[in-house]
PDB file of N, CA and C in Angstrom:
ATOM      1  N   MET A   1      11.854  38.298  20.373  1.00  0.00           N
ATOM      2  CA  MET A   1      13.356  38.595  20.331  1.00  0.00           C
ATOM      3  C   MET A   1      13.717  39.252  20.858  1.00  0.00           C
ATOM      4  N   GLU A   2      14.386  39.960  21.661  1.00  0.00           N
ATOM      5  CA  GLU A   2      14.428  41.547  22.297  1.00  0.00           C
ATOM      6  C   GLU A   2      15.812  42.160  21.306  1.00  0.00           C
ATOM      7  N   GLY A   3      15.298  43.381  20.708  1.00  0.00           N
ATOM      8  CA  GLY A   3      15.910  44.352  19.788  1.00  0.00           C
ATOM      9  C   GLY A   3      16.005  43.958  18.260  1.00  0.00           C
ATOM     10  N   ALA A   4      15.317  43.039  18.007  1.00  0.00           N
ATOM     11  CA  ALA A   4      15.259  42.915  16.539  1.00  0.00           C
ATOM     12  C   ALA A   4      14.399  43.681  15.798  1.00  0.00           C
ATOM     13  N   ASP A   5      14.889  43.796  14.543  1.00  0.00           N
ATOM     14  CA  ASP A   5      14.433  44.488  13.935  1.00  0.00           C
ATOM     15  C   ASP A   5      13.571  44.106  13.399  1.00  0.00           C
ATOM     16  N   ASP A   6      12.492  45.084  12.758  1.00  0.00           N
ATOM     17  CA  ASP A   6      11.029  44.196  11.807  1.00  0.00           C
ATOM     18  C   ASP A   6      11.036  44.971  10.741  1.00  0.00           C
ATOM     19  N   THR A   7      12.276  44.948   9.672  1.00  0.00           N
ATOM     20  CA  THR A   7      12.411  45.939   8.905  1.00  0.00           C
ATOM     21  C   THR A   7      12.535  44.342   7.935  1.00  0.00           C
ATOM     22  N   LEU A   8      11.430  44.421   6.187  1.00  0.00           N
ATOM     23  CA  LEU A   8      11.924  43.619   5.500  1.00  0.00           C
ATOM     24  C   LEU A   8      12.305  44.408   4.966  1.00  0.00           C
ATOM     25  N   SER A   9      13.442  44.081   3.496  1.00  0.00           N
ATOM     26  CA  SER A   9      14.561  44.400   2.525  1.00  0.00           C
ATOM     27  C   SER A   9      14.261  43.844   1.825  1.00  0.00           C
ATOM     28  N   LEU A  10      13.676  43.896   0.559  1.00  0.00           N
ATOM     29  CA  LEU A  10      14.011  43.197  -0.284  1.00  0.00           C
ATOM     30  C   LEU A  10      14.995  43.582  -1.243  1.00  0.00           C
ATOM     31  N   VAL A  11      15.929  42.957  -2.409  1.00  0.00           N
ATOM     32  CA  VAL A  11      16.594  43.067  -3.463  1.00  0.00           C
ATOM     33  C   VAL A  11      16.076  42.756  -4.702  1.00  0.00           C
ATOM     34  N   MET A  12      16.192  43.645  -5.600  1.00  0.00           N
ATOM     35  CA  MET A  12      15.517  42.762  -6.861  1.00  0.00           C
ATOM     36  C   MET A  12      16.204  43.089  -7.835  1.00  0.00           C
ATOM     37  N   PHE A  13      16.630  41.680  -8.648  1.00  0.00           N
ATOM     38  CA  PHE A  13      17.471  42.266  -9.948  1.00  0.00           C
ATOM     39  C   PHE A  13      17.128  41.565 -10.790  1.00  0.00           C
ATOM     40  N   SER A  14      15.469  41.420 -11.037  1.00  0.00           N
ATOM     41  CA  SER A  14      15.231  40.667 -11.826  1.00  0.00           C
ATOM     42  C   SER A  14      14.148  41.976 -12.536  1.00  0.00           C
ATOM     43  N   GLY A  15      13.586  41.883 -13.434  1.00  0.00           N
ATOM     44  CA  GLY A  15      12.019  43.043 -14.406  1.00  0.00           C
ATOM     45  C   GLY A  15      11.122  42.154 -14.458  1.00  0.00           C
ATOM     46  N   THR A  16      10.611  40.595 -13.998  1.00  0.00           N
ATOM     47  CA  THR A  16      10.292  40.050 -15.166  1.00  0.00           C
ATOM     48  C   THR A  16       8.707  40.453 -13.909  1.00  0.00           C
ATOM     49  N   ASP A  17       7.942  40.582 -14.699  1.00  0.00           N
ATOM     50  CA  ASP A  17       6.465  40.801 -13.762  1.00  0.00           C
ATOM     51  C   ASP A  17       5.780  39.438 -12.781  1.00  0.00           C
ATOM     52  N   ASP A  18       6.345  38.252 -12.999  1.00  0.00           N
ATOM     53  CA  ASP A  18       6.077  37.880 -12.261  1.00  0.00           C
ATOM     54  C   ASP A  18       6.609  38.030 -11.129  1.00  0.00           C
ATOM     55  N   LYS A  19       8.116  37.837 -10.858  1.00  0.00           N
ATOM     56  CA  LYS A  19       9.119  38.348  -9.768  1.00  0.00           C
ATOM     57  C   LYS A  19       8.799  39.627  -9.104  1.00  0.00           C
ATOM     58  N   LEU A  20       8.307  40.935 -10.337  1.00  0.00           N
ATOM     59  CA  LEU A  20       7.799  42.118  -9.711  1.00  0.00           C
ATOM     60  C   LEU A  20       6.864  41.961  -8.428  1.00  0.00           C
ATOM     61  N   THR A  21       5.928  41.250  -9.467  1.00  0.00           N
ATOM     62  CA  THR A  21       4.545  40.526  -8.550  1.00  0.00           C
ATOM     63  C   THR A  21       4.830  39.989  -6.740  1.00  0.00           C
ATOM     64  N   VAL A  22       5.115  38.872  -7.123  1.00  0.00           N
ATOM     65  CA  VAL A  22       5.483  38.454  -5.839  1.00  0.00           C
ATOM     66  C   VAL A  22       6.508  39.561  -4.838  1.00  0.00           C
ATOM     67  N   ALA A  23       7.459  40.219  -4.974  1.00  0.00           N
ATOM     68  CA  ALA A  23       7.939  41.263  -4.586  1.00  0.00           C
ATOM     69  C   ALA A  23       7.347  42.233  -3.920  1.00  0.00           C
ATOM     70  N   ALA A  24       6.017  42.346  -4.550  1.00  0.00           N
ATOM     71  CA  ALA A  24       5.163  43.544  -4.598  1.00  0.00           C
ATOM     72  C   ALA A  24       3.930  42.730  -3.343  1.00  0.00           C
ATOM     73  N   VAL A  25       3.961  41.446  -3.059  1.00  0.00           N
ATOM     74  CA  VAL A  25       3.139  41.151  -2.344  1.00  0.00           C
ATOM     75  C   VAL A  25       3.301  41.050  -0.826  1.00  0.00           C
ATOM     76  N   LEU A  26       4.773  41.074  -0.822  1.00  0.00           N
ATOM     77  CA  LEU A  26       5.694  40.336   0.382  1.00  0.00           C
ATOM     78  C   LEU A  26       5.875  41.826   0.537  1.00  0.00           C
ATOM     79  N   ALA A  27       6.302  43.178  -0.034  1.00  0.00           N
ATOM     80  CA  ALA A  27       6.193  44.636   0.461  1.00  0.00           C
ATOM     81  C   ALA A  27       4.318  44.524   1.412  1.00  0.00           C
ATOM     82  N   VAL A  28       3.478  44.387   0.138  1.00  0.00           N
ATOM     83  CA  VAL A  28       2.442  44.812   1.167  1.00  0.00           C
ATOM     84  C   VAL A  28       2.079  44.243   2.375  1.00  0.00           C
ATOM     85  N   GLY A  29       1.983  42.853   2.317  1.00  0.00           N
ATOM     86  CA  GLY A  29       2.076  41.818   3.132  1.00  0.00           C
ATOM     87  C   GLY A  29       3.058  42.040   4.434  1.00  0.00           C
ATOM     88  N   ALA A  30       3.674  42.758   4.293  1.00  0.00           N
ATOM     89  CA  ALA A  30       4.746  43.207   5.194  1.00  0.00           C
ATOM     90  C   ALA A  30       4.502  44.798   6.505  1.00  0.00           C
ATOM     91  N   ALA A  31       3.187  45.743   5.274  1.00  0.00           N
ATOM     92  CA  ALA A  31       3.654  46.831   5.701  1.00  0.00           C
ATOM     93  C   ALA A  31       2.182  46.603   6.179  1.00  0.00           C
ATOM     94  N   ALA A  32       1.124  45.593   6.211  1.00  0.00           N
ATOM     95  CA  ALA A  32       0.307  45.791   6.670  1.00  0.00           C
ATOM     96  C   ALA A  32       0.148  45.221   7.795  1.00  0.00           C
ATOM     97  N   MET A  33       1.130  44.392   7.955  1.00  0.00           N
ATOM     98  CA  MET A  33       1.712  43.774   9.495  1.00  0.00           C
ATOM     99  C   MET A  33       2.411  44.978  10.257  1.00  0.00           C
ATOM    100  N   GLY A  34       2.410  46.213   9.745  1.00  0.00           N
ATOM    101  CA  GLY A  34       3.190  47.310  10.370  1.00  0.00           C
ATOM    102  C   GLY A  34       4.747  47.367  10.386  1.00  0.00           C
ATOM    103  N   ARG A  35       5.216  47.048   9.416  1.00  0.00           N
ATOM    104  CA  ARG A  35       6.532  46.776   9.742  1.00  0.00           C
ATOM    105  C   ARG A  35       7.212  47.471   8.111  1.00  0.00           C
ATOM    106  N   ALA A  36       8.389  47.824   8.843  1.00  0.00           N
ATOM    107  CA  ALA A  36       8.624  48.685   7.647  1.00  0.00           C
ATOM    108  C   ALA A  36       9.324  48.271   6.499  1.00  0.00           C
ATOM    109  N   VAL A  37       9.198  48.743   5.196  1.00  0.00           N
ATOM    110  CA  VAL A  37       9.985  48.066   3.991  1.00  0.00           C
ATOM    111  C   VAL A  37      10.917  48.627   3.386  1.00  0.00           C
ATOM    112  N   ASN A  38      12.086  48.233   3.046  1.00  0.00           N
ATOM    113  CA  ASN A  38      12.972  48.456   1.727  1.00  0.00           C
ATOM    114  C   ASN A  38      13.109  47.922   0.926  1.00  0.00           C
ATOM    115  N   VAL A  39      12.355  48.374  -0.548  1.00  0.00           N
ATOM    116  CA  VAL A  39      13.002  47.739  -1.798  1.00  0.00           C
ATOM    117  C   VAL A  39      13.791  47.981  -2.730  1.00  0.00           C
ATOM    118  N   PHE A  40      14.770  47.542  -2.962  1.00  0.00           N
ATOM    119  CA  PHE A  40      16.595  48.051  -3.289  1.00  0.00           C
ATOM    120  C   PHE A  40      16.121  47.318  -4.772  1.00  0.00           C
ATOM    121  N   LEU A  41      15.906  47.940  -5.982  1.00  0.00           N
ATOM    122  CA  LEU A  41      15.969  47.708  -7.209  1.00  0.00           C
ATOM    123  C   LEU A  41      17.389  48.116  -8.226  1.00  0.00           C
ATOM    124  N   GLN A  42      17.989  47.083  -8.782  1.00  0.00           N
ATOM    125  CA  GLN A  42      19.175  46.373  -9.037  1.00  0.00           C
ATOM    126  C   GLN A  42      18.857  46.308 -10.966  1.00  0.00           C
ATOM    127  N   TYR A  43      19.635  46.479 -11.403  1.00  0.00           N
ATOM    128  CA  TYR A  43      19.593  46.517 -12.869  1.00  0.00           C
ATOM    129  C   TYR A  43      18.252  46.201 -13.984  1.00  0.00           C
ATOM    130  N   TRP A  44      18.155  45.041 -13.938  1.00  0.00           N
ATOM    131  CA  TRP A  44      16.438  44.739 -14.701  1.00  0.00           C
ATOM    132  C   TRP A  44      15.459  45.264 -13.868  1.00  0.00           C
ATOM    133  N   ALA A  45      15.447  45.309 -12.477  1.00  0.00           N
ATOM    134  CA  ALA A  45      14.523  45.626 -11.924  1.00  0.00           C
ATOM    135  C   ALA A  45      14.353  46.667 -11.804  1.00  0.00           C
ATOM    136  N   LEU A  46      15.245  47.598 -12.131  1.00  0.00           N
ATOM    137  CA  LEU A  46      14.605  49.116 -11.850  1.00  0.00           C
ATOM    138  C   LEU A  46      14.268  49.489 -13.677  1.00  0.00           C
ATOM    139  N   ASP A  47      14.556  48.874 -14.854  1.00  0.00           N
ATOM    140  CA  ASP A  47      14.013  49.382 -15.871  1.00  0.00           C
ATOM    141  C   ASP A  47      12.226  48.867 -15.546  1.00  0.00           C
ATOM    142  N   GLY A  48      12.169  47.949 -15.297  1.00  0.00           N
ATOM    143  CA  GLY A  48      10.746  47.334 -15.176  1.00  0.00           C
ATOM    144  C   GLY A  48       9.498  48.540 -14.212  1.00  0.00           C
ATOM    145  N   PHE A  49      10.039  49.611 -13.743  1.00  0.00           N
ATOM    146  CA  PHE A  49       9.543  50.627 -13.295  1.00  0.00           C
ATOM    147  C   PHE A  49       9.714  51.492 -13.486  1.00  0.00           C
ATOM    148  N   ARG A  50      10.419  51.897 -15.004  1.00  0.00           N
ATOM    149  CA  ARG A  50      10.486  52.965 -15.924  1.00  0.00           C
ATOM    150  C   ARG A  50       8.847  53.216 -16.491  1.00  0.00           C
ATOM    151  N   ALA A  51       8.736  54.654 -16.666  1.00  0.00           N
ATOM    152  CA  ALA A  51       7.398  54.780 -17.127  1.00  0.00           C
ATOM    153  C   ALA A  51       7.526  54.813 -18.746  1.00  0.00           C
ATOM    154  N   ASP A  52       8.343  54.544 -19.080  1.00  0.00           N
ATOM    155  CA  ASP A  52       8.680  54.886 -20.595  1.00  0.00           C
ATOM    156  C   ASP A  52       8.315  52.931 -21.230  1.00  0.00           C
ATOM    157  N   ARG A  53       8.205  52.464 -19.866  1.00  0.00           N
ATOM    158  CA  ARG A  53       8.539  50.737 -20.144  1.00  0.00           C
ATOM    159  C   ARG A  53       7.132  50.469 -19.644  1.00  0.00           C
ATOM    160  N   LYS A  54       6.161  50.826 -19.144  1.00  0.00           N
ATOM    161  CA  LYS A  54       5.488  50.177 -18.748  1.00  0.00           C
ATOM    162  C   LYS A  54       4.268  50.090 -19.834  1.00  0.00           C
ATOM    163  N   ALA A  55       3.761  49.046 -20.498  1.00  0.00           N
ATOM    164  CA  ALA A  55       2.168  48.736 -21.068  1.00  0.00           C
ATOM    165  C   ALA A  55       0.746  48.833 -20.406  1.00  0.00           C
ATOM    166  N   VAL A  56       0.185  50.036 -20.843  1.00  0.00           N
ATOM    167  CA  VAL A  56      -1.575  50.180 -20.768  1.00  0.00           C
ATOM    168  C   VAL A  56      -2.829  49.586 -21.927  1.00  0.00           C
ATOM    169  N   ARG A  57      -3.265  49.062 -20.547  1.00  0.00           N
ATOM    170  CA  ARG A  57      -4.009  48.169 -21.379  1.00  0.00           C
ATOM    171  C   ARG A  57      -5.513  49.037 -21.290  1.00  0.00           C
TER     172      ARG A  57
END
């Protein structure tokens, strides 16, 4: 397709582990294929990446 944009853009609303894991898999897969990746975090998804919310095991 001529002039196609190969950028993957993800908009995350939920910060649950299962949804964040799926987004990470999609982002890493697209980056491995040479595509640019944009991840937009909103609401609870942004909360999932806060340093004081991460559980260290």
